[in-house]
Protein backbone atom coordinates (compact mmCIF):
# COMPACT_ATOMS: atom_id res chain seq x y z
CA MET A 1 6.87 -28.83 -35.26
CA SER A 2 9.37 -28.04 -38.00
CA SER A 3 8.50 -25.40 -40.57
CA GLY A 4 10.14 -27.51 -43.26
CA ASP A 5 12.63 -24.74 -43.99
CA ASP A 6 14.43 -24.47 -40.66
CA ALA A 7 17.77 -25.84 -39.46
CA TRP A 8 16.25 -29.13 -38.29
CA ALA A 9 14.65 -29.81 -41.67
CA ARG A 10 17.78 -28.84 -43.61
CA ASN A 11 19.97 -31.06 -41.43
CA ALA A 12 17.53 -33.97 -41.70
CA ARG A 13 17.49 -33.76 -45.48
CA ALA A 14 21.28 -33.46 -45.60
CA LEU A 15 21.75 -36.54 -43.41
CA ALA A 16 19.14 -38.66 -45.18
CA PRO A 17 18.14 -37.15 -48.52
CA ALA A 18 16.33 -40.29 -49.66
CA ALA A 19 14.63 -41.08 -46.36
CA LYS A 20 10.92 -41.76 -46.17
CA LEU A 21 8.99 -41.11 -42.99
CA ALA A 22 6.65 -43.91 -41.88
CA CYS A 23 3.87 -42.82 -39.51
CA LEU A 24 1.57 -45.09 -37.54
CA ALA A 25 -1.91 -43.74 -38.11
CA HIS A 26 -5.57 -44.64 -37.91
CA ARG A 27 -8.94 -42.97 -37.80
CA PRO A 28 -11.26 -43.39 -34.78
CA PRO A 29 -14.46 -45.35 -35.46
CA ASP A 30 -16.63 -42.24 -35.06
CA GLY A 31 -14.57 -40.37 -37.67
CA HIS A 32 -15.06 -37.11 -35.82
CA ALA A 33 -11.43 -36.25 -35.36
CA VAL A 34 -8.07 -36.84 -37.00
CA PRO A 35 -5.51 -38.34 -34.59
CA ILE A 36 -2.62 -36.03 -33.88
CA VAL A 37 -0.09 -38.33 -35.58
CA GLU A 38 -2.09 -38.14 -38.83
CA TRP A 39 -2.38 -34.35 -38.47
CA HIS A 40 1.41 -34.08 -38.19
CA ALA A 41 1.82 -36.39 -41.17
CA ARG A 42 -0.34 -34.11 -43.29
CA GLN A 43 1.76 -31.12 -42.29
CA LEU A 44 4.93 -32.95 -43.33
CA ILE A 45 3.37 -33.96 -46.65
CA ALA A 46 2.48 -30.31 -47.28
CA MET A 47 6.15 -29.43 -46.68
CA GLY A 48 7.26 -31.85 -49.36
CA TRP A 49 8.24 -34.82 -47.20
CA ASP A 50 7.59 -38.34 -48.50
CA VAL A 51 5.33 -39.71 -45.75
CA HIS A 52 3.74 -43.15 -45.71
CA LEU A 53 0.89 -43.86 -43.31
CA THR A 54 0.77 -47.43 -42.11
CA LEU A 55 -0.56 -49.65 -39.34
CA PRO A 56 1.29 -52.36 -37.42
CA ALA A 57 0.28 -55.93 -38.19
CA ARG A 58 -2.37 -57.53 -35.99
CA ARG A 59 -0.85 -59.92 -33.45
CA ILE A 60 -3.24 -62.72 -32.47
CA ASN A 61 -2.40 -64.83 -29.41
CA ARG A 62 -5.70 -66.51 -28.55
CA ASP A 63 -4.18 -68.62 -25.76
CA GLY A 64 -2.15 -65.77 -24.32
CA PRO A 65 -2.70 -64.05 -20.99
CA VAL A 66 -4.61 -60.89 -20.22
CA VAL A 67 -1.85 -58.37 -19.48
CA VAL A 68 -2.85 -55.36 -17.39
CA HIS A 69 -0.92 -52.22 -16.58
CA PRO A 70 -2.85 -50.31 -13.88
CA GLY A 71 -0.71 -47.16 -13.81
CA SER A 72 -0.09 -44.03 -15.85
CA GLY A 73 1.90 -40.82 -15.73
CA GLY A 74 -0.90 -38.99 -13.91
CA PRO A 75 -3.15 -40.21 -11.05
CA ARG A 76 -6.26 -38.67 -12.62
CA LYS A 77 -5.84 -40.95 -15.65
CA CYS A 78 -5.84 -44.11 -13.51
CA TRP A 79 -8.90 -46.32 -13.12
CA PRO A 80 -9.58 -46.85 -9.38
CA PRO A 81 -7.39 -49.66 -7.98
CA GLU A 82 -10.34 -51.39 -6.31
CA ARG A 83 -11.96 -51.77 -9.73
CA PHE A 84 -8.78 -53.25 -11.13
CA THR A 85 -8.87 -55.71 -8.21
CA SER A 86 -12.46 -56.64 -9.07
CA LEU A 87 -11.47 -57.14 -12.72
CA PHE A 88 -8.56 -59.37 -11.67
CA GLU A 89 -10.86 -61.48 -9.50
CA HIS A 90 -13.33 -61.82 -12.36
CA LEU A 91 -10.63 -62.93 -14.78
CA GLN A 92 -9.37 -65.51 -12.28
CA ASN A 93 -12.89 -66.81 -11.70
CA ILE A 94 -13.48 -67.43 -15.42
CA GLY A 95 -10.08 -69.07 -15.86
CA ARG A 96 -8.26 -66.37 -17.83
CA GLU A 97 -4.52 -66.22 -17.32
CA LEU A 98 -3.60 -62.82 -15.87
CA ILE A 99 -0.33 -60.91 -15.72
CA ILE A 100 -0.09 -57.50 -14.02
CA VAL A 101 2.83 -55.31 -15.02
CA LEU A 102 3.96 -52.51 -12.73
CA GLY A 103 6.18 -49.59 -13.60
CA GLU A 104 8.51 -47.53 -11.44
CA VAL A 105 5.73 -45.20 -10.24
CA GLU A 106 3.56 -48.09 -9.01
CA ARG A 107 6.53 -49.81 -7.38
CA GLU A 108 7.67 -46.69 -5.54
CA ARG A 109 4.20 -45.47 -4.52
CA PRO A 110 1.76 -48.41 -4.57
CA PRO A 111 -1.84 -47.16 -4.78
CA GLU A 112 -3.99 -47.82 -1.72
CA GLY A 113 -5.51 -51.29 -1.74
CA THR A 114 -2.88 -52.86 -4.01
CA THR A 115 -0.34 -54.14 -1.48
CA ASP A 116 -1.72 -57.70 -1.64
CA TRP A 117 -1.68 -57.95 -5.44
CA GLY A 118 1.72 -59.67 -5.37
CA ARG A 119 0.34 -62.40 -3.10
CA ARG A 120 -2.90 -62.95 -5.00
CA PHE A 121 -1.92 -62.43 -8.63
CA ASP A 122 0.98 -62.83 -11.06
CA VAL A 123 2.72 -59.45 -10.81
CA ARG A 124 5.71 -58.63 -12.99
CA GLN A 125 8.06 -55.66 -12.70
CA PRO A 126 9.88 -55.32 -16.04
CA THR A 127 13.24 -53.65 -15.72
CA ASP A 128 13.35 -52.19 -19.23
CA LEU A 129 11.31 -51.58 -22.37
CA ILE A 130 12.50 -54.80 -24.02
CA GLU A 131 11.26 -56.94 -21.14
CA LEU A 132 7.96 -55.06 -21.08
CA SER A 133 7.55 -55.54 -24.83
CA GLU A 134 8.19 -59.27 -24.53
CA ILE A 135 5.47 -59.65 -21.88
CA ILE A 136 2.95 -57.58 -23.83
CA SER A 137 3.70 -59.34 -27.13
CA ARG A 138 2.48 -62.67 -25.72
CA ALA A 139 -0.86 -61.25 -24.56
CA ALA A 140 -4.24 -62.17 -25.95
CA VAL A 141 -5.37 -58.73 -24.83
CA PHE A 142 -3.82 -55.80 -23.00
CA VAL A 143 -5.74 -53.52 -20.62
CA GLY A 144 -4.45 -50.15 -19.48
CA ASN A 145 -5.11 -46.50 -18.79
CA ASP A 146 -3.98 -43.69 -21.09
CA SER A 147 -0.31 -44.53 -20.60
CA GLY A 148 2.90 -45.43 -22.41
CA PRO A 149 2.47 -49.21 -22.07
CA THR A 150 -1.05 -48.97 -23.54
CA HIS A 151 0.27 -47.13 -26.58
CA LEU A 152 3.09 -49.69 -26.83
CA ALA A 153 0.62 -52.60 -26.77
CA ALA A 154 -1.44 -51.05 -29.56
CA GLN A 155 1.66 -50.45 -31.69
CA LEU A 156 2.79 -54.04 -31.14
CA GLY A 157 -0.49 -55.13 -32.74
CA VAL A 158 -1.88 -56.68 -29.55
CA GLY A 159 -5.62 -56.37 -28.90
CA THR A 160 -5.83 -53.36 -26.59
CA VAL A 161 -8.53 -52.12 -24.23
CA ALA A 162 -7.72 -48.49 -23.39
CA LEU A 163 -9.43 -46.84 -20.44
CA PHE A 164 -9.95 -43.12 -20.89
CA GLY A 165 -11.48 -40.40 -18.74
CA PRO A 166 -9.96 -36.92 -18.46
CA THR A 167 -8.00 -37.13 -21.73
CA ASP A 168 -9.64 -37.14 -25.15
CA PRO A 169 -9.08 -40.34 -27.18
CA ARG A 170 -10.24 -38.58 -30.34
CA ILE A 171 -6.78 -36.99 -30.17
CA TRP A 172 -4.73 -39.29 -27.91
CA SER A 173 -6.12 -42.74 -28.72
CA PRO A 174 -3.53 -45.54 -28.94
CA VAL A 175 -2.70 -46.41 -32.53
CA GLY A 176 -3.05 -50.02 -33.60
CA PRO A 177 -5.07 -52.54 -35.61
CA ALA A 178 -7.20 -53.78 -32.68
CA VAL A 179 -7.90 -51.03 -30.17
CA THR A 180 -11.06 -50.71 -28.06
CA VAL A 181 -11.35 -47.33 -26.34
CA LEU A 182 -13.71 -46.99 -23.37
CA TRP A 183 -14.63 -43.34 -22.86
CA PRO A 184 -17.88 -41.56 -21.90
CA GLY A 185 -17.77 -39.16 -24.86
CA ALA A 186 -16.55 -36.14 -22.89
CA PRO A 187 -13.75 -35.63 -20.34
CA ALA A 188 -14.66 -37.22 -16.99
CA GLU A 189 -13.08 -38.66 -13.87
CA MET A 190 -12.10 -42.32 -14.17
CA GLY A 191 -14.80 -43.40 -11.75
CA TRP A 192 -17.29 -43.22 -14.64
CA LEU A 193 -16.21 -46.66 -15.87
CA GLY A 194 -17.58 -49.85 -14.35
CA VAL A 195 -15.95 -53.27 -14.08
CA GLU A 196 -18.65 -54.87 -16.22
CA GLU A 197 -17.85 -52.66 -19.21
CA VAL A 198 -14.14 -53.47 -19.03
CA ALA A 199 -14.75 -57.19 -18.57
CA ALA A 200 -17.06 -57.21 -21.60
CA ALA A 201 -14.42 -55.46 -23.73
CA VAL A 202 -11.77 -57.98 -22.65
CA ALA A 203 -14.11 -60.89 -23.48
CA ARG A 204 -14.24 -59.78 -27.11
CA TYR A 205 -10.56 -60.71 -27.55
């Protein structure tokens, strides 16, 4: 974090003296904590920066697919793959269009029990952020763990169901106009969350 009077701050002001910093920010429904992006924004305001807090516009695609990213940067943050499979089967049974997006980690080291996903479901492997964004942007709802694609979905304005366990969403919640966070209220392993709870959250979009 810049002190506001260091080399980074001086160079930033020299390069863009009239610049305004726009921060994506929101407050969790329980109001118990200030998201880290808003905390940083307050520090910048105190340093004299012109900061504007804003939210992305809500993107509503009622006929769009349910897009699911089952991975994350850490295995402990991932909902068990067999529960994802059960969710996929449920969505198919009720006639919801489903797209599963896999990243490099999932492609290189597929979790146990996921090798038949490509045969049973519509699995996409975006090659870059633009392709991933295009898939997510068409979604009626996005489902994912605490991961980059989940944060991207929220910032794109897509209805987002974020599955949390060991990390604290009161600090790390995705930022967006339509985010549902499923979390037990204290850090826990991802096995705490049942398929029924996720399916019910998806059904609200």
